[in-house]
Amino acid sequence: MTTPEPAKRLQALPRYLFAELERKRAEAEAAGREVIDLSIGDPDLPTPPPLLEKIAEAATNPANHKYPTSAGMPAARREIAAWFADRFGVAVDPLGECAMLIGSKEGIGHLPLAILDPGDEVLMPDPGYPVYFAGATFADATPVRYPLRESKGFLPDLEELDRLATPRTRLVWVNYPNNPTGSLATGAFYEALVAWAERRGVIIASDAAYSELYYGDAPPSILEIPAARGRAIEFHSFSKTFNMTGWRVGFAVGAPHLVGALVRLKANLDSGAPQAIQTAAAWALKGFLPTHGPALRAVYRERRDVAVEGLRKLGCPVSEPGGAFYVWGRVPDGERSIDFAERVFDHTGVMLTPGVGFGEQGEGYFRIALTGPVAAIEKALHLLEGLAPWKAPHGVASSSSR
């Protein structure tokens, strides 16, 4: 008996990078090896107790034991709209321009199915989050990658976007604070992007999952640009901000026709995030984020500084990220990113993410997730030093001599 093949659209996808990393880690740990996993962006910190208390309280309310609505609870959406107005200075209609999600990944993956037709083209960053490619592929749209170059601060070159765009181009993805590079976008960039999208008739999808993880000035929302209100949708997540990756809750805000299309699709595919989790997550934006946010950013800032300083002392070319909780460094000259990551893991047990997993433009780079304590990051750096993958800059002492 032959085993049926999966759908061709599924076969068109590369193996999901992070599932492969999880498999490799499990195999190593089953074999008794110590693993320092700095590859996957899953916070090591627990969901804060006040949030757990709110979830437990809401879970005992029988009203939350029923099917949730696809768009989300009106009360939760009103809380989100109030936070959005306070954080970004943008007034959104909680019922028409806001929807709850089962994590931002769900919304990002479903948006193309809601708004694209077969053959439509989608511009997406390279390097970039793999779900942009998967979502376009599942919608039978054509993914078109645009490069993010270090020389441009990992921002899109709008002239290059214009050369890549065709009459079939319907959607462009942007992601700031950026995964995997940690780069930021300015209001001026968004203004120029919106003007370009208006001229081209293109929808903008902004992935702002890391909007509350930053190390300087708070990043803007693309919806702060008035002209974006009719052609943009923005995705936010509670996963990283509140260490809630396992609770699966996020939200989308934006143009009513885009949010409405996404909700209409969701009505046919899922029943929404559990109401107890929606209630607690929405409360957290107003009732907990003002104290939690600065404390969490301080934790990641310390980790970032340890990682960046340590890598530089090893001779690794690395930029200081302005947001998110990743460090994006260069692999040694002449080595492929996947070979480097495998060599590091085989010799040290340290798991890094090869840059090519985020697209061809990620070749030559690797990503560290700051999702381990400072002690683990320091140990990983010490093991990397023993492997001596880079030539340390002249006159810089190694970390072991401190």
Protein backbone atom coordinates (compact mmCIF):
# COMPACT_ATOMS: atom_id res chain seq x y z
CA MET A 1 0.00 0.00 0.00
CA THR A 2 1.46 3.33 -1.04
CA THR A 3 1.45 6.25 1.36
CA PRO A 4 -0.48 9.23 -0.04
CA GLU A 5 1.68 12.24 -0.82
CA PRO A 6 0.92 15.52 0.96
CA ALA A 7 -0.55 18.35 -1.08
CA LYS A 8 1.80 19.93 -3.61
CA ARG A 9 1.53 23.30 -1.85
CA LEU A 10 2.89 21.64 1.29
CA GLN A 11 5.64 19.90 -0.65
CA ALA A 12 6.64 23.30 -2.06
CA LEU A 13 7.67 24.46 1.40
CA PRO A 14 11.10 23.79 2.87
CA ARG A 15 11.07 21.94 6.16
CA TYR A 16 10.12 24.40 8.87
CA LEU A 17 13.45 25.53 10.30
CA PHE A 18 12.43 25.70 13.94
CA ALA A 19 10.77 22.28 13.89
CA GLU A 20 14.07 20.89 12.59
CA LEU A 21 16.00 22.64 15.36
CA GLU A 22 13.61 21.28 17.98
CA ARG A 23 14.08 17.77 16.59
CA LYS A 24 17.85 18.10 16.67
CA ARG A 25 17.79 19.33 20.24
CA ALA A 26 15.53 16.47 21.36
CA GLU A 27 17.82 13.90 19.76
CA ALA A 28 20.90 15.37 21.43
CA GLU A 29 19.27 15.54 24.85
CA ALA A 30 17.99 11.96 24.50
CA ALA A 31 21.58 10.95 23.87
CA GLY A 32 22.63 12.62 27.12
CA ARG A 33 24.32 15.68 25.62
CA GLU A 34 24.14 19.08 27.26
CA VAL A 35 22.50 21.61 24.93
CA ILE A 36 22.62 25.38 25.22
CA ASP A 37 19.78 26.37 22.94
CA LEU A 38 20.09 29.94 21.66
CA SER A 39 18.26 29.18 18.42
CA ILE A 40 14.51 29.55 18.98
CA GLY A 41 12.81 32.73 20.17
CA ASP A 42 10.84 31.12 22.98
CA PRO A 43 11.33 33.12 26.21
CA ASP A 44 12.87 31.23 29.12
CA LEU A 45 11.07 33.54 31.55
CA PRO A 46 7.66 32.41 32.85
CA THR A 47 4.36 34.16 32.26
CA PRO A 48 4.18 36.78 35.04
CA PRO A 49 2.10 35.77 38.11
CA PRO A 50 -0.37 38.69 37.82
CA LEU A 51 -1.27 37.49 34.33
CA LEU A 52 -1.66 33.91 35.50
CA GLU A 53 -3.96 35.12 38.27
CA LYS A 54 -6.10 37.00 35.72
CA ILE A 55 -6.27 33.91 33.48
CA ALA A 56 -7.28 31.73 36.44
CA GLU A 57 -9.91 34.24 37.53
CA ALA A 58 -11.37 34.53 34.03
CA ALA A 59 -11.27 30.74 33.59
CA THR A 60 -13.69 30.25 36.49
CA ASN A 61 -16.32 32.45 34.83
CA PRO A 62 -18.83 30.17 33.03
CA ALA A 63 -19.34 32.87 30.38
CA ASN A 64 -15.81 32.09 29.18
CA HIS A 65 -16.49 28.38 28.78
CA LYS A 66 -18.30 28.86 25.47
CA TYR A 67 -17.08 29.18 21.90
CA PRO A 68 -15.36 32.54 21.46
CA THR A 69 -16.23 34.72 18.49
CA SER A 70 -13.86 34.80 15.53
CA ALA A 71 -13.21 38.53 15.89
CA GLY A 72 -12.66 38.34 19.63
CA MET A 73 -14.44 39.66 22.69
CA PRO A 74 -15.64 43.28 22.30
CA ALA A 75 -14.35 44.11 25.80
CA ALA A 76 -10.87 42.81 24.94
CA ARG A 77 -10.83 44.73 21.66
CA ARG A 78 -11.84 47.92 23.46
CA GLU A 79 -8.90 47.47 25.84
CA ILE A 80 -6.57 46.99 22.88
CA ALA A 81 -7.94 50.07 21.10
CA ALA A 82 -7.39 52.14 24.24
CA TRP A 83 -3.80 50.88 24.53
CA PHE A 84 -3.18 51.53 20.83
CA ALA A 85 -4.36 55.12 21.19
CA ASP A 86 -2.15 55.64 24.25
CA ARG A 87 0.93 53.90 22.80
CA PHE A 88 0.84 55.14 19.20
CA GLY A 89 -1.57 58.08 19.28
CA VAL A 90 -3.83 56.28 16.80
CA ALA A 91 -7.59 55.93 17.39
CA VAL A 92 -8.92 52.64 16.01
CA ASP A 93 -12.49 51.35 16.02
CA PRO A 94 -12.35 48.35 18.37
CA LEU A 95 -15.16 46.56 16.55
CA GLY A 96 -14.28 47.30 12.92
CA GLU A 97 -10.52 47.77 12.94
CA CYS A 98 -9.34 45.26 15.55
CA ALA A 99 -9.45 41.47 15.80
CA MET A 100 -8.07 38.96 18.30
CA LEU A 101 -5.81 36.20 16.98
CA ILE A 102 -4.62 32.79 18.14
CA GLY A 103 -1.13 34.28 18.20
CA SER A 104 0.18 36.67 15.55
CA LYS A 105 1.55 33.70 13.56
CA GLU A 106 -2.01 32.53 12.92
CA GLY A 107 -3.05 35.90 11.53
CA ILE A 108 0.12 36.27 9.46
CA GLY A 109 -0.38 32.84 7.94
CA HIS A 110 -4.09 33.35 7.26
CA LEU A 111 -4.02 36.88 5.82
CA PRO A 112 -2.95 35.80 2.29
CA LEU A 113 -5.81 33.28 2.17
CA ALA A 114 -8.22 36.09 3.02
CA ILE A 115 -7.09 38.73 0.55
CA LEU A 116 -5.09 37.11 -2.28
CA ASP A 117 -6.08 35.22 -5.42
CA PRO A 118 -3.97 32.58 -7.17
CA GLY A 119 -1.19 34.25 -9.13
CA ASP A 120 -1.11 37.41 -7.04
CA GLU A 121 2.41 38.37 -6.01
CA VAL A 122 3.64 39.03 -2.48
CA LEU A 123 6.79 41.00 -1.68
CA MET A 124 8.48 39.69 1.46
CA PRO A 125 11.77 40.43 3.24
CA ASP A 126 14.84 38.27 2.82
CA PRO A 127 16.01 37.44 5.44
CA GLY A 128 12.57 37.16 6.97
CA TYR A 129 10.12 35.15 9.04
CA PRO A 130 9.42 31.88 7.13
CA VAL A 131 5.64 32.15 7.65
CA TYR A 132 5.41 34.98 5.10
CA PHE A 133 6.54 32.52 2.42
CA ALA A 134 4.30 29.73 3.71
CA GLY A 135 1.21 31.92 3.82
CA ALA A 136 1.68 33.07 0.23
CA THR A 137 2.31 29.51 -0.93
CA PHE A 138 -0.82 28.16 0.75
CA ALA A 139 -2.85 30.91 -0.98
CA ASP A 140 -1.40 29.88 -4.37
CA ALA A 141 0.17 33.33 -4.60
CA THR A 142 3.71 33.95 -5.83
CA PRO A 143 6.30 34.85 -3.17
CA VAL A 144 8.81 37.48 -4.34
CA ARG A 145 11.67 38.10 -1.94
CA TYR A 146 13.26 41.51 -1.59
CA PRO A 147 16.69 41.83 0.06
CA LEU A 148 17.41 43.40 3.43
CA ARG A 149 21.04 44.51 3.28
CA GLU A 150 23.28 45.40 6.17
CA SER A 151 24.54 48.43 4.21
CA LYS A 152 20.95 49.78 4.21
CA GLY A 153 20.38 49.12 7.92
CA PHE A 154 18.30 46.05 6.96
CA LEU A 155 15.55 48.31 5.60
CA PRO A 156 13.96 47.76 2.17
CA ASP A 157 15.29 49.83 -0.69
CA LEU A 158 12.13 51.35 -2.16
CA GLU A 159 13.69 51.67 -5.61
CA GLU A 160 14.40 47.96 -5.50
CA LEU A 161 10.86 47.24 -4.38
CA ASP A 162 9.67 49.24 -7.35
CA ARG A 163 11.78 47.16 -9.74
CA LEU A 164 10.43 43.93 -8.25
CA ALA A 165 6.79 45.02 -8.30
CA THR A 166 4.54 44.09 -11.23
CA PRO A 167 0.85 44.63 -12.00
CA ARG A 168 0.22 41.38 -10.07
CA THR A 169 1.86 42.66 -6.87
CA ARG A 170 -0.86 42.86 -4.23
CA LEU A 171 0.87 42.73 -0.85
CA VAL A 172 4.16 43.72 0.79
CA TRP A 173 5.34 42.48 4.19
CA VAL A 174 7.49 44.54 6.55
CA ASN A 175 8.65 43.53 10.03
CA TYR A 176 10.06 45.97 12.60
CA PRO A 177 11.55 45.55 15.14
CA ASN A 178 12.98 42.96 12.81
CA ASN A 179 13.38 39.23 13.15
CA PRO A 180 16.12 38.10 12.64
CA THR A 181 18.30 41.25 12.47
CA GLY A 182 16.96 43.32 15.38
CA SER A 183 16.85 46.44 13.19
CA LEU A 184 14.27 49.21 13.57
CA ALA A 185 12.20 51.32 11.18
CA THR A 186 11.48 55.02 11.56
CA GLY A 187 8.33 57.00 10.97
CA ALA A 188 10.03 58.58 7.96
CA PHE A 189 10.60 55.14 6.43
CA TYR A 190 6.96 54.18 6.96
CA GLU A 191 5.83 57.45 5.39
CA ALA A 192 7.91 56.74 2.28
CA LEU A 193 6.71 53.12 2.15
CA VAL A 194 3.06 54.15 2.39
CA ALA A 195 3.51 56.71 -0.40
CA TRP A 196 5.08 54.00 -2.57
CA ALA A 197 2.29 51.54 -1.76
CA GLU A 198 -0.36 54.14 -2.62
CA ARG A 199 1.29 54.79 -5.97
CA ARG A 200 1.50 51.06 -6.68
CA GLY A 201 -1.90 50.10 -5.24
CA VAL A 202 -0.29 47.62 -2.83
CA ILE A 203 -1.52 46.46 0.58
CA ILE A 204 0.97 46.71 3.46
CA ALA A 205 1.13 44.03 6.14
CA SER A 206 3.25 45.11 9.10
CA ASP A 207 4.46 42.44 11.51
CA ALA A 208 4.99 44.32 14.79
CA ALA A 209 5.24 41.30 17.09
CA TYR A 210 8.28 42.81 18.84
CA SER A 211 6.94 46.36 19.16
CA GLU A 212 7.46 46.40 22.95
CA LEU A 213 10.97 44.94 22.93
CA TYR A 214 13.29 47.85 22.19
CA TYR A 215 16.41 49.42 23.70
CA GLY A 216 16.05 53.11 22.89
CA ASP A 217 13.07 55.12 21.69
CA ALA A 218 9.80 53.21 21.34
CA PRO A 219 9.27 52.07 17.72
CA PRO A 220 6.38 53.60 15.77
CA SER A 221 3.39 51.87 14.21
CA ILE A 222 2.85 52.13 10.47
CA LEU A 223 -0.73 53.19 11.29
CA GLU A 224 0.64 56.46 12.63
CA ILE A 225 0.88 57.46 8.95
CA PRO A 226 -2.64 58.72 8.10
CA ALA A 227 -2.55 57.37 4.54
CA ALA A 228 -1.83 53.87 5.87
CA ARG A 229 -5.25 53.66 7.49
CA GLY A 230 -6.89 52.57 4.24
CA ARG A 231 -4.31 50.03 3.02
CA ALA A 232 -2.38 48.60 5.97
CA ILE A 233 -2.88 45.91 8.60
CA GLU A 234 -0.56 45.43 11.56
CA PHE A 235 0.00 42.31 13.66
CA HIS A 236 0.86 42.34 17.36
CA SER A 237 1.66 39.55 19.77
CA PHE A 238 1.49 38.94 23.51
CA SER A 239 3.94 36.06 23.19
CA LYS A 240 7.21 37.91 23.54
CA THR A 241 5.98 40.95 25.48
CA PHE A 242 4.47 38.88 28.30
CA ASN A 243 6.28 35.52 27.93
CA MET A 244 3.02 34.00 26.69
CA THR A 245 4.21 31.93 23.73
CA GLY A 246 2.30 28.89 24.97
CA TRP A 247 -0.97 30.74 25.51
CA ARG A 248 -1.39 31.66 21.81
CA VAL A 249 -2.93 35.11 21.69
CA GLY A 250 -2.32 38.19 19.58
CA PHE A 251 -4.26 40.81 17.65
CA ALA A 252 -4.50 42.63 14.34
CA VAL A 253 -5.41 46.27 13.75
CA GLY A 254 -5.85 48.12 10.51
CA ALA A 255 -8.06 48.96 7.57
CA PRO A 256 -11.62 47.65 8.13
CA HIS A 257 -11.76 45.75 4.83
CA LEU A 258 -8.50 43.90 5.65
CA VAL A 259 -9.40 43.11 9.25
CA GLY A 260 -12.90 42.13 8.11
CA ALA A 261 -11.58 39.76 5.44
CA LEU A 262 -9.28 38.10 7.99
CA VAL A 263 -12.15 37.69 10.48
CA ARG A 264 -14.40 36.26 7.76
CA LEU A 265 -11.74 33.67 6.93
CA LYS A 266 -11.23 32.87 10.61
CA ALA A 267 -14.99 32.32 11.03
CA ASN A 268 -14.66 29.41 8.62
CA LEU A 269 -11.47 27.95 10.08
CA ASP A 270 -11.29 28.54 13.83
CA SER A 271 -13.31 29.67 16.82
CA GLY A 272 -10.92 32.26 18.17
CA ALA A 273 -8.62 32.41 21.17
CA PRO A 274 -10.07 31.22 24.50
CA GLN A 275 -11.90 34.08 26.18
CA ALA A 276 -10.14 33.73 29.53
CA ILE A 277 -6.80 34.28 27.77
CA GLN A 278 -8.16 37.20 25.73
CA THR A 279 -9.42 38.84 28.92
CA ALA A 280 -6.12 38.51 30.76
CA ALA A 281 -3.96 39.49 27.80
CA ALA A 282 -5.98 42.63 27.03
CA TRP A 283 -5.90 43.63 30.72
CA ALA A 284 -2.13 43.24 30.73
CA LEU A 285 -1.62 46.00 28.17
CA LYS A 286 -3.05 48.61 30.51
CA GLY A 287 -2.82 47.07 33.94
CA PHE A 288 0.61 45.46 33.82
CA LEU A 289 2.71 46.58 30.83
CA PRO A 290 3.68 49.99 32.31
CA THR A 291 5.73 48.24 35.02
CA HIS A 292 6.46 44.94 33.29
CA GLY A 293 7.71 46.40 29.99
CA PRO A 294 10.70 48.37 31.32
CA ALA A 295 11.75 45.49 33.59
CA LEU A 296 11.60 42.97 30.74
CA ARG A 297 13.53 45.26 28.41
CA ALA A 298 16.23 45.63 31.08
CA VAL A 299 16.63 41.84 31.20
CA TYR A 300 17.05 41.59 27.43
CA ARG A 301 19.29 44.66 27.30
CA GLU A 302 21.73 43.00 29.70
CA ARG A 303 21.68 39.79 27.68
CA ARG A 304 22.11 41.71 24.43
CA ASP A 305 25.09 43.63 25.75
CA VAL A 306 26.78 40.45 27.02
CA ALA A 307 26.23 38.69 23.68
CA VAL A 308 27.33 41.61 21.50
CA GLU A 309 30.40 42.40 23.59
CA GLY A 310 31.39 38.74 23.79
CA LEU A 311 31.02 38.13 20.07
CA ARG A 312 33.00 41.24 19.22
CA LYS A 313 35.83 40.11 21.49
CA LEU A 314 35.87 36.86 19.57
CA GLY A 315 36.25 38.85 16.35
CA CYS A 316 32.71 38.26 15.11
CA PRO A 317 31.29 41.16 13.06
CA VAL A 318 27.96 41.95 14.71
CA SER A 319 25.66 44.96 14.85
CA GLU A 320 23.98 46.04 18.07
CA PRO A 321 20.24 45.32 17.66
CA GLY A 322 17.85 48.15 18.43
CA GLY A 323 14.89 45.90 19.14
CA ALA A 324 13.53 42.34 19.40
CA PHE A 325 15.63 39.81 21.32
CA TYR A 326 18.01 38.57 18.68
CA VAL A 327 21.63 39.17 17.77
CA TRP A 328 22.54 38.81 14.07
CA GLY A 329 26.20 38.05 13.49
CA ARG A 330 28.42 37.04 10.59
CA VAL A 331 29.78 33.53 10.24
CA PRO A 332 33.53 33.11 9.64
CA ASP A 333 34.68 33.97 6.13
CA GLY A 334 34.31 31.19 3.61
CA GLU A 335 31.87 29.11 5.67
CA ARG A 336 28.20 28.48 4.94
CA SER A 337 25.82 29.41 7.73
CA ILE A 338 24.33 25.93 8.05
CA ASP A 339 27.77 24.32 8.12
CA PHE A 340 28.88 26.79 10.78
CA ALA A 341 25.81 26.17 12.95
CA GLU A 342 26.27 22.41 12.66
CA ARG A 343 29.97 22.63 13.44
CA VAL A 344 29.32 24.76 16.51
CA PHE A 345 26.63 22.37 17.74
CA ASP A 346 28.66 19.23 17.10
CA HIS A 347 31.68 20.58 18.99
CA THR A 348 30.02 22.58 21.78
CA GLY A 349 26.33 21.73 22.14
CA VAL A 350 25.47 25.40 21.46
CA MET A 351 22.52 25.75 19.10
CA LEU A 352 22.53 28.78 16.81
CA THR A 353 20.14 29.49 13.94
CA PRO A 354 21.77 29.50 10.48
CA GLY A 355 20.91 32.69 8.63
CA VAL A 356 20.03 30.90 5.42
CA GLY A 357 16.96 29.52 7.20
CA PHE A 358 15.48 33.02 6.81
CA GLY A 359 16.22 33.22 3.08
CA GLU A 360 19.13 33.41 0.66
CA GLN A 361 20.13 36.87 1.88
CA GLY A 362 20.63 35.35 5.32
CA GLU A 363 23.54 33.31 4.04
CA GLY A 364 26.73 34.37 5.78
CA TYR A 365 24.93 35.17 9.04
CA PHE A 366 23.69 33.40 12.14
CA ARG A 367 21.11 34.35 14.76
CA ILE A 368 21.32 34.14 18.53
CA ALA A 369 18.08 34.28 20.50
CA LEU A 370 18.51 36.01 23.85
CA THR A 371 16.17 33.49 25.45
CA GLY A 372 18.60 32.10 27.99
CA PRO A 373 20.03 33.63 31.17
CA VAL A 374 23.26 35.62 31.14
CA ALA A 375 25.14 32.63 32.56
CA ALA A 376 24.08 30.45 29.62
CA ILE A 377 25.06 33.13 27.10
CA GLU A 378 28.46 33.56 28.78
CA LYS A 379 29.01 29.80 28.77
CA ALA A 380 28.09 29.61 25.10
CA LEU A 381 30.55 32.40 24.31
CA HIS A 382 33.28 30.60 26.25
CA LEU A 383 32.64 27.42 24.26
CA LEU A 384 32.72 29.40 21.02
CA GLU A 385 36.04 30.85 22.07
CA GLY A 386 37.42 27.35 22.51
CA LEU A 387 36.26 26.55 18.99
CA ALA A 388 38.01 29.73 17.78
CA PRO A 389 35.75 30.30 14.77
CA TRP A 390 36.87 33.89 14.16
CA LYS A 391 40.17 35.67 14.28
CA ALA A 392 40.04 38.09 17.22
CA PRO A 393 40.80 41.73 16.32
CA HIS A 394 44.36 42.86 16.99
CA GLY A 395 44.81 44.18 20.51
CA VAL A 396 41.52 42.79 21.88
CA ALA A 397 41.87 40.41 24.80
CA SER A 398 39.86 37.19 24.78
CA SER A 399 37.01 36.81 27.24
CA SER A 400 38.94 34.22 29.27
CA SER A 401 41.58 36.81 30.17
CA ARG A 402 39.11 39.12 31.91
